[in-house]
């Protein structure tokens, strides 16, 4: 723990143990040794990042911090899985994409960027005032997990989506059975007789009409009066689904 705190303190000190890319991005690379401790890793002269990794997908956990070490975002807390980031053949000079191209699976790193550069190149928006006041610096902590081809990434996403659809279907079936039991209990308690449509909707005819029944695919007019609790619910927007916390142009397009 003491060693980690020292690394974070050094990350806030300009020039402290950081190497520098020609584009100005400062970096420190680490890899676990045989004892499981992270040790500094030098970038070998023969390690040409984009010549070997361009067009592939790196899965990585990311954490953004201000120059004063205030945490802005932890991807692990927003989504439990590492985020897929497409490595372009020609990344923007001085961008986070360029820095991540230095990593191999198993590497961790701390990158330090001038806020003006990284917000222009990666986030494509002005630097927030609170970041300017915190030294106008952006720190990015990264932990690389896997390097995949685009085909491997797409296959994994399709498998994950199929599994999520299966889980959603199972939950829907279980919820439908639960809802049906509650409706049946309500009808029994209140001595009501209801009919059920093919879609599963229960209805009670309280006052039979004198007109002809509606025909399929033919327009008809009707008036409804929903209970107040139902009207209140209908005005509430559905919860948003979890999405990647990263810029949209990082994520591989399907």
C-alpha atoms as a PDB file:
ATOM      1  CA  UNK A   1       0.000   0.000   0.000  1.00  0.00           C
ATOM      2  CA  UNK A   2       2.855   2.374   0.828  1.00  0.00           C
ATOM      3  CA  UNK A   3       4.381   1.724  -2.604  1.00  0.00           C
ATOM      4  CA  UNK A   4       1.063   2.479  -4.343  1.00  0.00           C
ATOM      5  CA  UNK A   5       0.657   5.732  -2.459  1.00  0.00           C
ATOM      6  CA  UNK A   6       4.174   6.729  -3.514  1.00  0.00           C
ATOM      7  CA  UNK A   7       3.335   6.037  -7.170  1.00  0.00           C
ATOM      8  CA  UNK A   8       0.218   8.234  -6.944  1.00  0.00           C
ATOM      9  CA  UNK A   9       2.200  11.023  -5.304  1.00  0.00           C
ATOM     10  CA  UNK A  10       4.850  10.847  -8.015  1.00  0.00           C
ATOM     11  CA  UNK A  11       2.161  10.979 -10.709  1.00  0.00           C
ATOM     12  CA  UNK A  12       1.267  14.484  -9.556  1.00  0.00           C
ATOM     13  CA  UNK A  13       4.869  15.737  -9.731  1.00  0.00           C
ATOM     14  CA  UNK A  14       5.835  16.994 -13.216  1.00  0.00           C
ATOM     15  CA  UNK A  15       8.627  14.885 -14.702  1.00  0.00           C
ATOM     16  CA  UNK A  16       8.839  12.443 -11.760  1.00  0.00           C
ATOM     17  CA  UNK A  17       9.869   9.051 -13.206  1.00  0.00           C
ATOM     18  CA  UNK A  18       7.759   9.566 -16.336  1.00  0.00           C
ATOM     19  CA  UNK A  19       8.927   8.725 -19.819  1.00  0.00           C
ATOM     20  CA  UNK A  20       7.691  10.920 -22.652  1.00  0.00           C
ATOM     21  CA  UNK A  21       6.386  10.205 -26.128  1.00  0.00           C
ATOM     22  CA  UNK A  22       7.476  12.518 -28.959  1.00  0.00           C
ATOM     23  CA  UNK A  23       3.928  13.911 -28.919  1.00  0.00           C
ATOM     24  CA  UNK A  24       4.378  15.050 -25.294  1.00  0.00           C
ATOM     25  CA  UNK A  25       2.305  12.387 -23.514  1.00  0.00           C
ATOM     26  CA  UNK A  26       4.010  11.243 -20.318  1.00  0.00           C
ATOM     27  CA  UNK A  27       3.721   7.611 -19.277  1.00  0.00           C
ATOM     28  CA  UNK A  28       4.796   5.004 -16.752  1.00  0.00           C
ATOM     29  CA  UNK A  29       4.355   1.314 -17.630  1.00  0.00           C
ATOM     30  CA  UNK A  30       4.146  -1.551 -15.134  1.00  0.00           C
ATOM     31  CA  UNK A  31       3.948  -5.348 -15.296  1.00  0.00           C
ATOM     32  CA  UNK A  32       3.562  -7.976 -12.551  1.00  0.00           C
ATOM     33  CA  UNK A  33       6.668  -9.925 -11.629  1.00  0.00           C
ATOM     34  CA  UNK A  34       6.856 -13.541 -10.420  1.00  0.00           C
ATOM     35  CA  UNK A  35       5.761 -12.476  -6.911  1.00  0.00           C
ATOM     36  CA  UNK A  36       2.647 -10.704  -8.210  1.00  0.00           C
ATOM     37  CA  UNK A  37       3.988  -7.200  -7.561  1.00  0.00           C
ATOM     38  CA  UNK A  38       3.872  -4.531 -10.242  1.00  0.00           C
ATOM     39  CA  UNK A  39       7.304  -3.427 -11.417  1.00  0.00           C
ATOM     40  CA  UNK A  40       8.219  -0.672 -13.909  1.00  0.00           C
ATOM     41  CA  UNK A  41       8.417  -1.861 -17.518  1.00  0.00           C
ATOM     42  CA  UNK A  42      10.508  -0.025 -20.068  1.00  0.00           C
ATOM     43  CA  UNK A  43       9.183   0.461 -23.570  1.00  0.00           C
ATOM     44  CA  UNK A  44      11.517  -1.646 -25.702  1.00  0.00           C
ATOM     45  CA  UNK A  45      12.906   0.005 -28.864  1.00  0.00           C
ATOM     46  CA  UNK A  46      11.589  -2.949 -30.899  1.00  0.00           C
ATOM     47  CA  UNK A  47       8.079  -2.563 -29.504  1.00  0.00           C
ATOM     48  CA  UNK A  48       6.221  -0.840 -32.358  1.00  0.00           C
ATOM     49  CA  UNK A  49       2.695  -0.498 -30.924  1.00  0.00           C
ATOM     50  CA  UNK A  50       0.592   0.364 -33.938  1.00  0.00           C
ATOM     51  CA  UNK A  51       2.497  -1.775 -36.440  1.00  0.00           C
ATOM     52  CA  UNK A  52       1.383  -4.893 -34.562  1.00  0.00           C
ATOM     53  CA  UNK A  53      -1.843  -3.835 -32.837  1.00  0.00           C
ATOM     54  CA  UNK A  54      -3.588  -1.487 -35.246  1.00  0.00           C
ATOM     55  CA  UNK A  55      -7.078  -2.668 -36.105  1.00  0.00           C
ATOM     56  CA  UNK A  56      -7.330  -4.833 -33.006  1.00  0.00           C
ATOM     57  CA  UNK A  57      -9.357  -4.297 -29.829  1.00  0.00           C
ATOM     58  CA  UNK A  58      -7.828  -3.794 -26.388  1.00  0.00           C
ATOM     59  CA  UNK A  59      -9.987  -4.510 -23.346  1.00  0.00           C
ATOM     60  CA  UNK A  60      -8.993  -2.266 -20.482  1.00  0.00           C
ATOM     61  CA  UNK A  61     -10.102  -0.853 -17.147  1.00  0.00           C
ATOM     62  CA  UNK A  62      -9.679   2.926 -16.984  1.00  0.00           C
ATOM     63  CA  UNK A  63      -9.665   5.541 -14.266  1.00  0.00           C
ATOM     64  CA  UNK A  64      -9.558   9.291 -14.921  1.00  0.00           C
ATOM     65  CA  UNK A  65      -8.145  11.718 -12.344  1.00  0.00           C
ATOM     66  CA  UNK A  66      -7.437  15.425 -12.131  1.00  0.00           C
ATOM     67  CA  UNK A  67      -3.945  16.806 -11.621  1.00  0.00           C
ATOM     68  CA  UNK A  68      -4.726  16.925  -7.902  1.00  0.00           C
ATOM     69  CA  UNK A  69      -5.635  13.213  -7.907  1.00  0.00           C
ATOM     70  CA  UNK A  70      -9.397  13.664  -7.562  1.00  0.00           C
ATOM     71  CA  UNK A  71     -11.162  10.704  -9.184  1.00  0.00           C
ATOM     72  CA  UNK A  72     -13.371  11.676 -12.123  1.00  0.00           C
ATOM     73  CA  UNK A  73     -14.401   8.238 -13.405  1.00  0.00           C
ATOM     74  CA  UNK A  74     -13.729   4.562 -12.706  1.00  0.00           C
ATOM     75  CA  UNK A  75     -14.932   2.334 -15.528  1.00  0.00           C
ATOM     76  CA  UNK A  76     -14.881  -0.720 -13.228  1.00  0.00           C
ATOM     77  CA  UNK A  77     -17.518   0.893 -10.995  1.00  0.00           C
ATOM     78  CA  UNK A  78     -19.761   1.773 -13.938  1.00  0.00           C
ATOM     79  CA  UNK A  79     -19.468  -1.552 -15.763  1.00  0.00           C
ATOM     80  CA  UNK A  80     -17.940  -4.719 -14.255  1.00  0.00           C
ATOM     81  CA  UNK A  81     -16.197  -5.845 -17.449  1.00  0.00           C
ATOM     82  CA  UNK A  82     -13.152  -4.198 -19.056  1.00  0.00           C
ATOM     83  CA  UNK A  83     -14.038  -1.796 -21.838  1.00  0.00           C
ATOM     84  CA  UNK A  84     -13.267  -2.667 -25.472  1.00  0.00           C
ATOM     85  CA  UNK A  85     -11.296   0.052 -27.248  1.00  0.00           C
ATOM     86  CA  UNK A  86     -10.519  -0.130 -30.942  1.00  0.00           C
ATOM     87  CA  UNK A  87      -6.877   0.716 -31.672  1.00  0.00           C
ATOM     88  CA  UNK A  88      -6.755   2.842 -34.832  1.00  0.00           C
ATOM     89  CA  UNK A  89      -3.953   2.597 -37.366  1.00  0.00           C
ATOM     90  CA  UNK A  90      -3.247   6.316 -37.073  1.00  0.00           C
ATOM     91  CA  UNK A  91      -4.396   7.630 -33.672  1.00  0.00           C
ATOM     92  CA  UNK A  92      -4.549  11.321 -32.930  1.00  0.00           C
ATOM     93  CA  UNK A  93      -1.155  12.521 -31.697  1.00  0.00           C
ATOM     94  CA  UNK A  94      -1.359  13.264 -27.980  1.00  0.00           C
ATOM     95  CA  UNK A  95      -4.660  11.385 -27.538  1.00  0.00           C
ATOM     96  CA  UNK A  96      -5.532   8.696 -25.006  1.00  0.00           C
ATOM     97  CA  UNK A  97      -5.926   6.259 -27.906  1.00  0.00           C
ATOM     98  CA  UNK A  98      -2.277   6.793 -28.813  1.00  0.00           C
ATOM     99  CA  UNK A  99      -1.199   6.154 -25.215  1.00  0.00           C
ATOM    100  CA  UNK A 100      -3.264   2.974 -24.854  1.00  0.00           C
ATOM    101  CA  UNK A 101      -1.538   1.575 -27.931  1.00  0.00           C
ATOM    102  CA  UNK A 102       1.607   1.217 -25.805  1.00  0.00           C
ATOM    103  CA  UNK A 103      -0.029  -1.426 -23.617  1.00  0.00           C
ATOM    104  CA  UNK A 104       0.105  -5.176 -23.865  1.00  0.00           C
ATOM    105  CA  UNK A 105      -2.296  -7.502 -21.993  1.00  0.00           C
ATOM    106  CA  UNK A 106      -1.159  -7.655 -18.374  1.00  0.00           C
ATOM    107  CA  UNK A 107       0.314  -4.143 -18.405  1.00  0.00           C
ATOM    108  CA  UNK A 108      -0.796  -1.322 -16.173  1.00  0.00           C
ATOM    109  CA  UNK A 109       0.097   2.294 -16.738  1.00  0.00           C
ATOM    110  CA  UNK A 110      -0.275   5.865 -15.577  1.00  0.00           C
ATOM    111  CA  UNK A 111      -0.506   8.466 -18.343  1.00  0.00           C
ATOM    112  CA  UNK A 112      -0.308  12.213 -17.826  1.00  0.00           C
ATOM    113  CA  UNK A 113      -1.759  14.566 -20.431  1.00  0.00           C
ATOM    114  CA  UNK A 114      -2.060  18.321 -20.817  1.00  0.00           C
ATOM    115  CA  UNK A 115      -5.805  18.800 -20.375  1.00  0.00           C
ATOM    116  CA  UNK A 116      -6.111  21.053 -23.423  1.00  0.00           C
ATOM    117  CA  UNK A 117      -4.612  18.364 -25.659  1.00  0.00           C
ATOM    118  CA  UNK A 118      -6.538  15.357 -24.386  1.00  0.00           C
ATOM    119  CA  UNK A 119      -9.884  17.147 -24.346  1.00  0.00           C
ATOM    120  CA  UNK A 120      -9.368  18.343 -27.908  1.00  0.00           C
ATOM    121  CA  UNK A 121      -8.041  15.026 -29.247  1.00  0.00           C
ATOM    122  CA  UNK A 122     -10.093  12.455 -27.317  1.00  0.00           C
ATOM    123  CA  UNK A 123     -13.115  13.998 -25.620  1.00  0.00           C
ATOM    124  CA  UNK A 124     -13.611  16.619 -28.340  1.00  0.00           C
ATOM    125  CA  UNK A 125     -14.968  19.261 -26.018  1.00  0.00           C
ATOM    126  CA  UNK A 126     -13.647  22.240 -23.993  1.00  0.00           C
ATOM    127  CA  UNK A 127     -11.726  21.619 -20.777  1.00  0.00           C
ATOM    128  CA  UNK A 128     -14.043  21.952 -17.739  1.00  0.00           C
ATOM    129  CA  UNK A 129     -13.099  24.847 -15.482  1.00  0.00           C
ATOM    130  CA  UNK A 130     -12.566  22.639 -12.419  1.00  0.00           C
ATOM    131  CA  UNK A 131      -9.907  20.629 -14.294  1.00  0.00           C
ATOM    132  CA  UNK A 132      -8.139  23.834 -15.328  1.00  0.00           C
ATOM    133  CA  UNK A 133      -8.120  24.897 -11.688  1.00  0.00           C
ATOM    134  CA  UNK A 134      -6.684  21.491 -10.698  1.00  0.00           C
ATOM    135  CA  UNK A 135      -3.490  22.029 -12.680  1.00  0.00           C
ATOM    136  CA  UNK A 136      -4.935  21.683 -16.195  1.00  0.00           C
ATOM    137  CA  UNK A 137      -3.699  18.071 -16.219  1.00  0.00           C
ATOM    138  CA  UNK A 138      -5.488  14.754 -16.811  1.00  0.00           C
ATOM    139  CA  UNK A 139      -4.183  11.525 -15.278  1.00  0.00           C
ATOM    140  CA  UNK A 140      -5.314   8.217 -16.762  1.00  0.00           C
ATOM    141  CA  UNK A 141      -4.732   4.942 -14.899  1.00  0.00           C
ATOM    142  CA  UNK A 142      -5.084   1.948 -17.211  1.00  0.00           C
ATOM    143  CA  UNK A 143      -5.063  -1.836 -16.726  1.00  0.00           C
ATOM    144  CA  UNK A 144      -4.970  -3.810 -19.987  1.00  0.00           C
ATOM    145  CA  UNK A 145      -6.554  -7.272 -20.046  1.00  0.00           C
ATOM    146  CA  UNK A 146      -6.863  -8.733 -23.560  1.00  0.00           C
ATOM    147  CA  UNK A 147      -5.920  -7.967 -27.132  1.00  0.00           C
ATOM    148  CA  UNK A 148      -8.516  -9.307 -29.565  1.00  0.00           C
ATOM    149  CA  UNK A 149      -9.121  -9.225 -33.276  1.00  0.00           C
ATOM    150  CA  UNK A 150     -12.257  -7.408 -34.405  1.00  0.00           C
ATOM    151  CA  UNK A 151     -13.835 -10.761 -35.338  1.00  0.00           C
ATOM    152  CA  UNK A 152     -13.120 -12.179 -31.874  1.00  0.00           C
ATOM    153  CA  UNK A 153     -14.613  -9.086 -30.241  1.00  0.00           C
ATOM    154  CA  UNK A 154     -17.760  -9.243 -32.370  1.00  0.00           C
ATOM    155  CA  UNK A 155     -18.218 -12.957 -31.620  1.00  0.00           C
ATOM    156  CA  UNK A 156     -17.854 -12.260 -27.908  1.00  0.00           C
ATOM    157  CA  UNK A 157     -20.378  -9.427 -28.040  1.00  0.00           C
ATOM    158  CA  UNK A 158     -22.879 -11.586 -29.922  1.00  0.00           C
ATOM    159  CA  UNK A 159     -22.480 -14.373 -27.372  1.00  0.00           C
ATOM    160  CA  UNK A 160     -22.962 -11.909 -24.527  1.00  0.00           C
ATOM    161  CA  UNK A 161     -26.058 -10.407 -26.148  1.00  0.00           C
ATOM    162  CA  UNK A 162     -27.541 -13.879 -26.658  1.00  0.00           C
ATOM    163  CA  UNK A 163     -26.915 -14.707 -23.014  1.00  0.00           C
ATOM    164  CA  UNK A 164     -28.489 -11.422 -21.877  1.00  0.00           C
ATOM    165  CA  UNK A 165     -31.534 -12.097 -24.094  1.00  0.00           C
ATOM    166  CA  UNK A 166     -31.863 -15.570 -22.594  1.00  0.00           C
ATOM    167  CA  UNK A 167     -31.690 -14.179 -19.061  1.00  0.00           C
ATOM    168  CA  UNK A 168     -34.255 -11.492 -19.915  1.00  0.00           C
ATOM    169  CA  UNK A 169     -36.616 -14.139 -21.320  1.00  0.00           C
ATOM    170  CA  UNK A 170     -36.260 -16.265 -18.193  1.00  0.00           C
ATOM    171  CA  UNK A 171     -36.974 -13.251 -15.990  1.00  0.00           C
ATOM    172  CA  UNK A 172     -40.007 -12.345 -18.118  1.00  0.00           C
ATOM    173  CA  UNK A 173     -41.446 -15.858 -17.798  1.00  0.00           C
ATOM    174  CA  UNK A 174     -40.920 -15.866 -14.030  1.00  0.00           C
ATOM    175  CA  UNK A 175     -42.448 -12.390 -13.684  1.00  0.00           C
ATOM    176  CA  UNK A 176     -45.428 -13.362 -15.850  1.00  0.00           C
ATOM    177  CA  UNK A 177     -46.171 -16.356 -13.608  1.00  0.00           C
ATOM    178  CA  UNK A 178     -45.896 -14.130 -10.530  1.00  0.00           C
ATOM    179  CA  UNK A 179     -48.186 -11.476 -12.040  1.00  0.00           C
ATOM    180  CA  UNK A 180     -50.719 -14.111 -13.073  1.00  0.00           C
ATOM    181  CA  UNK A 181     -50.834 -15.526  -9.542  1.00  0.00           C
ATOM    182  CA  UNK A 182     -51.450 -12.059  -8.087  1.00  0.00           C
ATOM    183  CA  UNK A 183     -54.244 -11.355 -10.578  1.00  0.00           C
ATOM    184  CA  UNK A 184     -55.908 -14.684  -9.857  1.00  0.00           C
ATOM    185  CA  UNK A 185     -55.731 -13.985  -6.123  1.00  0.00           C
ATOM    186  CA  UNK A 186     -57.282 -10.535  -6.657  1.00  0.00           C
ATOM    187  CA  UNK A 187     -60.115 -11.945  -8.788  1.00  0.00           C
ATOM    188  CA  UNK A 188     -60.839 -14.658  -6.230  1.00  0.00           C
ATOM    189  CA  UNK A 189     -60.790 -12.245  -3.314  1.00  0.00           C
ATOM    190  CA  UNK A 190     -63.186  -9.856  -5.010  1.00  0.00           C
ATOM    191  CA  UNK A 191     -65.333 -12.628  -6.546  1.00  0.00           C
ATOM    192  CA  UNK A 192     -64.745 -11.436 -10.072  1.00  0.00           C
ATOM    193  CA  UNK A 193     -64.794 -13.366 -13.319  1.00  0.00           C
ATOM    194  CA  UNK A 194     -62.379 -12.187 -15.975  1.00  0.00           C
ATOM    195  CA  UNK A 195     -61.428 -13.253 -19.464  1.00  0.00           C
ATOM    196  CA  UNK A 196     -57.879 -13.425 -20.766  1.00  0.00           C
ATOM    197  CA  UNK A 197     -56.629 -12.421 -24.188  1.00  0.00           C
ATOM    198  CA  UNK A 198     -54.068 -14.423 -26.159  1.00  0.00           C
ATOM    199  CA  UNK A 199     -51.495 -11.823 -25.145  1.00  0.00           C
ATOM    200  CA  UNK A 200     -52.154 -12.395 -21.444  1.00  0.00           C
ATOM    201  CA  UNK A 201     -54.281  -9.333 -20.640  1.00  0.00           C
ATOM    202  CA  UNK A 202     -57.208  -9.919 -18.249  1.00  0.00           C
ATOM    203  CA  UNK A 203     -60.420  -7.972 -18.767  1.00  0.00           C
ATOM    204  CA  UNK A 204     -63.904  -7.798 -17.273  1.00  0.00           C
ATOM    205  CA  UNK A 205     -66.962  -6.706 -19.257  1.00  0.00           C
ATOM    206  CA  UNK A 206     -68.852  -4.493 -16.805  1.00  0.00           C
ATOM    207  CA  UNK A 207     -71.502  -3.341 -19.263  1.00  0.00           C
ATOM    208  CA  UNK A 208     -72.117  -5.271 -22.479  1.00  0.00           C
ATOM    209  CA  UNK A 209     -72.586  -3.058 -25.513  1.00  0.00           C
ATOM    210  CA  UNK A 210     -75.286  -3.420 -28.179  1.00  0.00           C
ATOM    211  CA  UNK A 211     -73.042  -2.976 -31.213  1.00  0.00           C
ATOM    212  CA  UNK A 212     -71.255  -5.574 -33.268  1.00  0.00           C
ATOM    213  CA  UNK A 213     -67.880  -6.839 -32.028  1.00  0.00           C
ATOM    214  CA  UNK A 214     -64.868  -5.253 -33.734  1.00  0.00           C
ATOM    215  CA  UNK A 215     -63.328  -7.078 -36.669  1.00  0.00           C
ATOM    216  CA  UNK A 216     -59.649  -7.832 -37.016  1.00  0.00           C
ATOM    217  CA  UNK A 217     -57.643  -5.117 -38.817  1.00  0.00           C
ATOM    218  CA  UNK A 218     -60.654  -2.785 -38.839  1.00  0.00           C
ATOM    219  CA  UNK A 219     -60.509   0.598 -37.032  1.00  0.00           C
ATOM    220  CA  UNK A 220     -62.725   1.126 -34.005  1.00  0.00           C
ATOM    221  CA  UNK A 221     -63.177   3.915 -31.456  1.00  0.00           C
ATOM    222  CA  UNK A 222     -63.199   3.462 -27.698  1.00  0.00           C
ATOM    223  CA  UNK A 223     -62.705   5.504 -24.546  1.00  0.00           C
ATOM    224  CA  UNK A 224     -60.556   4.437 -21.605  1.00  0.00           C
ATOM    225  CA  UNK A 225     -60.004   5.653 -18.063  1.00  0.00           C
ATOM    226  CA  UNK A 226     -56.791   4.423 -16.445  1.00  0.00           C
ATOM    227  CA  UNK A 227     -56.484   4.392 -12.636  1.00  0.00           C
ATOM    228  CA  UNK A 228     -54.558   7.333 -11.222  1.00  0.00           C
ATOM    229  CA  UNK A 229     -51.631   5.120 -10.149  1.00  0.00           C
ATOM    230  CA  UNK A 230     -51.319   3.767 -13.684  1.00  0.00           C
ATOM    231  CA  UNK A 231     -51.371   7.262 -15.192  1.00  0.00           C
ATOM    232  CA  UNK A 232     -48.626   8.283 -12.773  1.00  0.00           C
ATOM    233  CA  UNK A 233     -46.515   5.303 -13.757  1.00  0.00           C
ATOM    234  CA  UNK A 234     -46.944   5.913 -17.467  1.00  0.00           C
ATOM    235  CA  UNK A 235     -45.421   9.381 -17.148  1.00  0.00           C
ATOM    236  CA  UNK A 236     -42.221   7.986 -15.655  1.00  0.00           C
ATOM    237  CA  UNK A 237     -39.531   7.317 -18.266  1.00  0.00           C
ATOM    238  CA  UNK A 238     -38.073   3.818 -18.289  1.00  0.00           C
ATOM    239  CA  UNK A 239     -34.693   3.378 -16.636  1.00  0.00           C
ATOM    240  CA  UNK A 240     -31.765   3.793 -18.980  1.00  0.00           C
ATOM    241  CA  UNK A 241     -29.686   0.746 -19.822  1.00  0.00           C
ATOM    242  CA  UNK A 242     -26.029   0.555 -18.871  1.00  0.00           C
ATOM    243  CA  UNK A 243     -23.719   1.924 -21.538  1.00  0.00           C
ATOM    244  CA  UNK A 244     -20.015   2.329 -21.863  1.00  0.00           C
ATOM    245  CA  UNK A 245     -18.635   5.322 -19.888  1.00  0.00           C
ATOM    246  CA  UNK A 246     -16.100   5.940 -22.658  1.00  0.00           C
ATOM    247  CA  UNK A 247     -16.277   8.226 -25.710  1.00  0.00           C
ATOM    248  CA  UNK A 248     -18.473   6.608 -28.357  1.00  0.00           C
ATOM    249  CA  UNK A 249     -15.792   6.683 -31.058  1.00  0.00           C
ATOM    250  CA  UNK A 250     -13.579   4.379 -28.934  1.00  0.00           C
ATOM    251  CA  UNK A 251     -15.992   1.450 -28.909  1.00  0.00           C
ATOM    252  CA  UNK A 252     -15.780  -0.962 -31.861  1.00  0.00           C
ATOM    253  CA  UNK A 253     -18.685  -0.439 -34.259  1.00  0.00           C
ATOM    254  CA  UNK A 254     -20.775  -3.469 -35.159  1.00  0.00           C
END
